[in-house]
Amino acid sequence: MANTKSSCLPLYEKVFHKNTYHRALDVIILFLLLCLLFYRLSTFNNHGFAWFLAFLCETCFTFLWVLVFSCRWTPLTYKTFPQRLQER
């Protein structure tokens, strides 16, 4: 019983990448997008329909950017070991 599940080597390994520069840049962009949305909301009474349309488009863009941002926050790759498959 030397070949138990705990003694088998894994078939893949997660390799995390350092991306502190990209994280800082993404946080700055998120802050700027939120400032833009706040500015559009605070000055909405002074402008017409075009301002409201721009606000809706920027809200949609910000939401989609946050979805992409959450996927890129912790990038990783999988290093596979197909030769270990025969050992199992």
N, C-alpha and C. Protein backbone atom coordinates (compact mmCIF):
# COMPACT_ATOMS: atom_id res chain seq x y z
N MET A 1 0.81 -1.19 0.00
CA MET A 1 0.00 0.00 0.00
C MET A 1 0.86 1.26 0.00
N ALA A 2 2.00 1.18 -0.63
CA ALA A 2 2.87 2.35 -0.67
C ALA A 2 2.36 3.41 -1.65
N ASN A 3 1.49 3.01 -2.57
CA ASN A 3 1.00 3.93 -3.59
C ASN A 3 -0.39 4.44 -3.21
N THR A 4 -0.49 5.15 -2.11
CA THR A 4 -1.77 5.72 -1.70
C THR A 4 -1.97 7.07 -2.34
N LYS A 5 -3.17 7.63 -2.17
CA LYS A 5 -3.48 8.93 -2.78
C LYS A 5 -2.60 10.04 -2.21
N SER A 6 -2.25 9.97 -0.95
CA SER A 6 -1.44 11.03 -0.35
C SER A 6 0.01 11.00 -0.83
N SER A 7 0.50 9.84 -1.29
CA SER A 7 1.89 9.76 -1.73
C SER A 7 2.04 10.03 -3.22
N CYS A 8 0.95 10.13 -3.97
CA CYS A 8 1.04 10.41 -5.41
C CYS A 8 1.40 11.87 -5.64
N LEU A 9 2.19 12.10 -6.64
CA LEU A 9 2.55 13.46 -7.01
C LEU A 9 1.38 14.08 -7.77
N PRO A 10 1.18 15.39 -7.65
CA PRO A 10 0.04 16.02 -8.34
C PRO A 10 0.24 16.05 -9.85
N LEU A 11 -0.87 16.07 -10.59
CA LEU A 11 -0.81 16.11 -12.04
C LEU A 11 -0.62 17.53 -12.57
N TYR A 12 -0.90 18.51 -11.74
CA TYR A 12 -0.70 19.90 -12.14
C TYR A 12 -0.31 20.73 -10.94
N GLU A 13 0.22 21.90 -11.23
CA GLU A 13 0.65 22.83 -10.18
C GLU A 13 0.22 24.24 -10.59
N LYS A 14 -0.33 24.98 -9.65
CA LYS A 14 -0.72 26.36 -9.92
C LYS A 14 0.50 27.25 -9.74
N VAL A 15 0.78 28.08 -10.74
CA VAL A 15 1.90 29.01 -10.68
C VAL A 15 1.32 30.42 -10.69
N PHE A 16 1.45 31.12 -9.57
CA PHE A 16 0.93 32.48 -9.45
C PHE A 16 1.99 33.47 -9.95
N HIS A 17 1.53 34.52 -10.59
CA HIS A 17 2.42 35.53 -11.14
C HIS A 17 2.34 36.80 -10.30
N LYS A 18 3.47 37.42 -10.09
CA LYS A 18 3.51 38.71 -9.39
C LYS A 18 3.07 39.79 -10.37
N ASN A 19 2.13 40.61 -9.94
CA ASN A 19 1.66 41.68 -10.81
C ASN A 19 1.31 42.92 -10.00
N THR A 20 2.22 43.36 -9.16
CA THR A 20 1.95 44.52 -8.30
C THR A 20 1.77 45.79 -9.11
N TYR A 21 2.53 45.95 -10.19
CA TYR A 21 2.40 47.13 -11.04
C TYR A 21 1.01 47.18 -11.67
N HIS A 22 0.56 46.05 -12.21
CA HIS A 22 -0.76 46.00 -12.85
C HIS A 22 -1.88 46.19 -11.83
N ARG A 23 -1.71 45.65 -10.65
CA ARG A 23 -2.73 45.84 -9.61
C ARG A 23 -2.86 47.30 -9.22
N ALA A 24 -1.73 47.97 -9.05
CA ALA A 24 -1.77 49.39 -8.69
C ALA A 24 -2.41 50.21 -9.80
N LEU A 25 -2.07 49.90 -11.03
CA LEU A 25 -2.66 50.60 -12.17
C LEU A 25 -4.16 50.35 -12.26
N ASP A 26 -4.58 49.12 -12.02
CA ASP A 26 -6.02 48.80 -12.05
C ASP A 26 -6.78 49.50 -10.94
N VAL A 27 -6.20 49.62 -9.78
CA VAL A 27 -6.87 50.33 -8.68
C VAL A 27 -7.00 51.81 -9.00
N ILE A 28 -5.99 52.39 -9.61
CA ILE A 28 -6.06 53.80 -10.00
C ILE A 28 -7.14 54.02 -11.06
N ILE A 29 -7.20 53.14 -12.03
CA ILE A 29 -8.24 53.25 -13.07
C ILE A 29 -9.62 53.09 -12.47
N LEU A 30 -9.79 52.16 -11.56
CA LEU A 30 -11.09 51.98 -10.90
C LEU A 30 -11.47 53.24 -10.12
N PHE A 31 -10.52 53.81 -9.41
CA PHE A 31 -10.79 55.04 -8.67
C PHE A 31 -11.21 56.17 -9.62
N LEU A 32 -10.52 56.31 -10.75
CA LEU A 32 -10.87 57.35 -11.71
C LEU A 32 -12.24 57.12 -12.33
N LEU A 33 -12.58 55.87 -12.63
CA LEU A 33 -13.91 55.58 -13.17
C LEU A 33 -15.01 55.90 -12.16
N LEU A 34 -14.78 55.56 -10.91
CA LEU A 34 -15.77 55.87 -9.87
C LEU A 34 -15.90 57.38 -9.66
N CYS A 35 -14.79 58.11 -9.75
CA CYS A 35 -14.85 59.57 -9.65
C CYS A 35 -15.65 60.16 -10.80
N LEU A 36 -15.45 59.62 -12.00
CA LEU A 36 -16.20 60.10 -13.15
C LEU A 36 -17.70 59.85 -12.98
N LEU A 37 -18.07 58.68 -12.49
CA LEU A 37 -19.49 58.38 -12.25
C LEU A 37 -20.07 59.29 -11.18
N PHE A 38 -19.30 59.55 -10.14
CA PHE A 38 -19.79 60.45 -9.10
C PHE A 38 -19.96 61.86 -9.63
N TYR A 39 -19.04 62.30 -10.47
CA TYR A 39 -19.14 63.63 -11.08
C TYR A 39 -20.38 63.72 -11.96
N ARG A 40 -20.64 62.69 -12.75
CA ARG A 40 -21.83 62.69 -13.61
C ARG A 40 -23.10 62.73 -12.77
N LEU A 41 -23.13 61.99 -11.68
CA LEU A 41 -24.32 61.99 -10.82
C LEU A 41 -24.51 63.32 -10.11
N SER A 42 -23.43 63.91 -9.65
CA SER A 42 -23.56 65.15 -8.88
C SER A 42 -23.95 66.34 -9.74
N THR A 43 -23.61 66.33 -11.02
CA THR A 43 -23.94 67.46 -11.90
C THR A 43 -25.02 67.10 -12.91
N PHE A 44 -25.82 66.11 -12.59
CA PHE A 44 -26.85 65.65 -13.53
C PHE A 44 -27.94 66.70 -13.74
N ASN A 45 -28.28 67.49 -12.73
CA ASN A 45 -29.36 68.47 -12.85
C ASN A 45 -29.03 69.62 -13.80
N ASN A 46 -27.76 69.90 -14.00
CA ASN A 46 -27.35 71.02 -14.84
C ASN A 46 -27.34 70.70 -16.33
N HIS A 47 -27.44 69.44 -16.68
CA HIS A 47 -27.28 69.03 -18.08
C HIS A 47 -28.50 68.22 -18.52
N GLY A 48 -28.58 67.95 -19.82
CA GLY A 48 -29.76 67.31 -20.39
C GLY A 48 -29.62 65.81 -20.57
N PHE A 49 -30.32 65.34 -21.60
CA PHE A 49 -30.42 63.92 -21.88
C PHE A 49 -29.07 63.32 -22.28
N ALA A 50 -28.25 64.06 -22.99
CA ALA A 50 -26.95 63.55 -23.42
C ALA A 50 -26.07 63.20 -22.22
N TRP A 51 -26.18 64.00 -21.17
CA TRP A 51 -25.40 63.74 -19.94
C TRP A 51 -25.86 62.44 -19.30
N PHE A 52 -27.17 62.23 -19.28
CA PHE A 52 -27.73 60.99 -18.73
C PHE A 52 -27.31 59.79 -19.57
N LEU A 53 -27.33 59.93 -20.88
CA LEU A 53 -26.91 58.85 -21.77
C LEU A 53 -25.42 58.52 -21.56
N ALA A 54 -24.61 59.56 -21.41
CA ALA A 54 -23.18 59.33 -21.14
C ALA A 54 -23.00 58.63 -19.81
N PHE A 55 -23.80 58.99 -18.80
CA PHE A 55 -23.72 58.33 -17.50
C PHE A 55 -24.07 56.85 -17.61
N LEU A 56 -25.11 56.51 -18.38
CA LEU A 56 -25.49 55.11 -18.56
C LEU A 56 -24.39 54.31 -19.27
N CYS A 57 -23.81 54.90 -20.29
CA CYS A 57 -22.73 54.21 -21.01
C CYS A 57 -21.51 54.01 -20.12
N GLU A 58 -21.16 55.02 -19.35
CA GLU A 58 -20.00 54.90 -18.46
C GLU A 58 -20.27 53.93 -17.32
N THR A 59 -21.51 53.85 -16.86
CA THR A 59 -21.86 52.86 -15.83
C THR A 59 -21.72 51.45 -16.38
N CYS A 60 -22.18 51.24 -17.59
CA CYS A 60 -22.05 49.92 -18.23
C CYS A 60 -20.58 49.57 -18.42
N PHE A 61 -19.79 50.53 -18.90
CA PHE A 61 -18.37 50.29 -19.10
C PHE A 61 -17.67 49.97 -17.78
N THR A 62 -18.01 50.70 -16.73
CA THR A 62 -17.39 50.47 -15.42
C THR A 62 -17.75 49.08 -14.89
N PHE A 63 -19.00 48.67 -15.05
CA PHE A 63 -19.41 47.35 -14.60
C PHE A 63 -18.66 46.26 -15.34
N LEU A 64 -18.56 46.37 -16.66
CA LEU A 64 -17.83 45.37 -17.44
C LEU A 64 -16.35 45.38 -17.10
N TRP A 65 -15.80 46.56 -16.86
CA TRP A 65 -14.39 46.64 -16.50
C TRP A 65 -14.13 45.97 -15.16
N VAL A 66 -15.05 46.12 -14.20
CA VAL A 66 -14.89 45.47 -12.90
C VAL A 66 -14.95 43.95 -13.06
N LEU A 67 -15.80 43.45 -13.94
CA LEU A 67 -15.85 42.00 -14.18
C LEU A 67 -14.52 41.49 -14.75
N VAL A 68 -13.96 42.20 -15.70
CA VAL A 68 -12.67 41.80 -16.27
C VAL A 68 -11.57 41.96 -15.23
N PHE A 69 -11.64 43.03 -14.47
CA PHE A 69 -10.66 43.32 -13.43
C PHE A 69 -10.62 42.21 -12.38
N SER A 70 -11.77 41.68 -12.02
CA SER A 70 -11.79 40.62 -11.02
C SER A 70 -11.16 39.33 -11.53
N CYS A 71 -11.25 39.09 -12.82
CA CYS A 71 -10.61 37.90 -13.39
C CYS A 71 -9.10 38.06 -13.50
N ARG A 72 -8.64 39.28 -13.72
CA ARG A 72 -7.20 39.52 -13.87
C ARG A 72 -6.50 39.80 -12.55
N TRP A 73 -7.23 39.85 -11.46
CA TRP A 73 -6.64 40.24 -10.18
C TRP A 73 -5.55 39.27 -9.73
N THR A 74 -5.79 37.98 -9.89
CA THR A 74 -4.81 36.98 -9.50
C THR A 74 -4.54 36.05 -10.70
N PRO A 75 -3.66 36.48 -11.59
CA PRO A 75 -3.38 35.63 -12.75
C PRO A 75 -2.55 34.42 -12.35
N LEU A 76 -2.89 33.30 -12.94
CA LEU A 76 -2.12 32.09 -12.68
C LEU A 76 -2.12 31.23 -13.93
N THR A 77 -1.15 30.36 -13.98
CA THR A 77 -1.08 29.37 -15.05
C THR A 77 -0.95 28.00 -14.39
N TYR A 78 -1.37 27.02 -15.13
CA TYR A 78 -1.29 25.65 -14.64
C TYR A 78 -0.13 24.94 -15.34
N LYS A 79 0.79 24.45 -14.56
CA LYS A 79 1.90 23.68 -15.10
C LYS A 79 1.52 22.20 -14.97
N THR A 80 1.33 21.56 -16.09
CA THR A 80 0.88 20.17 -16.07
C THR A 80 2.06 19.22 -16.16
N PHE A 81 1.86 18.05 -15.61
CA PHE A 81 2.86 16.98 -15.62
C PHE A 81 2.23 15.72 -16.20
N PRO A 82 2.17 15.60 -17.54
CA PRO A 82 1.53 14.42 -18.14
C PRO A 82 2.29 13.12 -17.88
N GLN A 83 3.58 13.20 -17.62
CA GLN A 83 4.35 11.98 -17.36
C GLN A 83 3.93 11.33 -16.04
N ARG A 84 3.34 12.11 -15.13
CA ARG A 84 2.91 11.55 -13.85
C ARG A 84 1.59 10.77 -13.96
N LEU A 85 0.93 10.93 -15.09
CA LEU A 85 -0.33 10.23 -15.29
C LEU A 85 -0.13 8.72 -15.36
N GLN A 86 0.97 8.29 -15.91
CA GLN A 86 1.25 6.86 -16.00
C GLN A 86 1.53 6.25 -14.63
N GLU A 87 1.99 7.07 -13.68
CA GLU A 87 2.29 6.55 -12.35
C GLU A 87 1.02 6.21 -11.59
N ARG A 88 -0.07 6.81 -11.95
CA ARG A 88 -1.33 6.54 -11.25
C ARG A 88 -1.91 5.30 -11.82
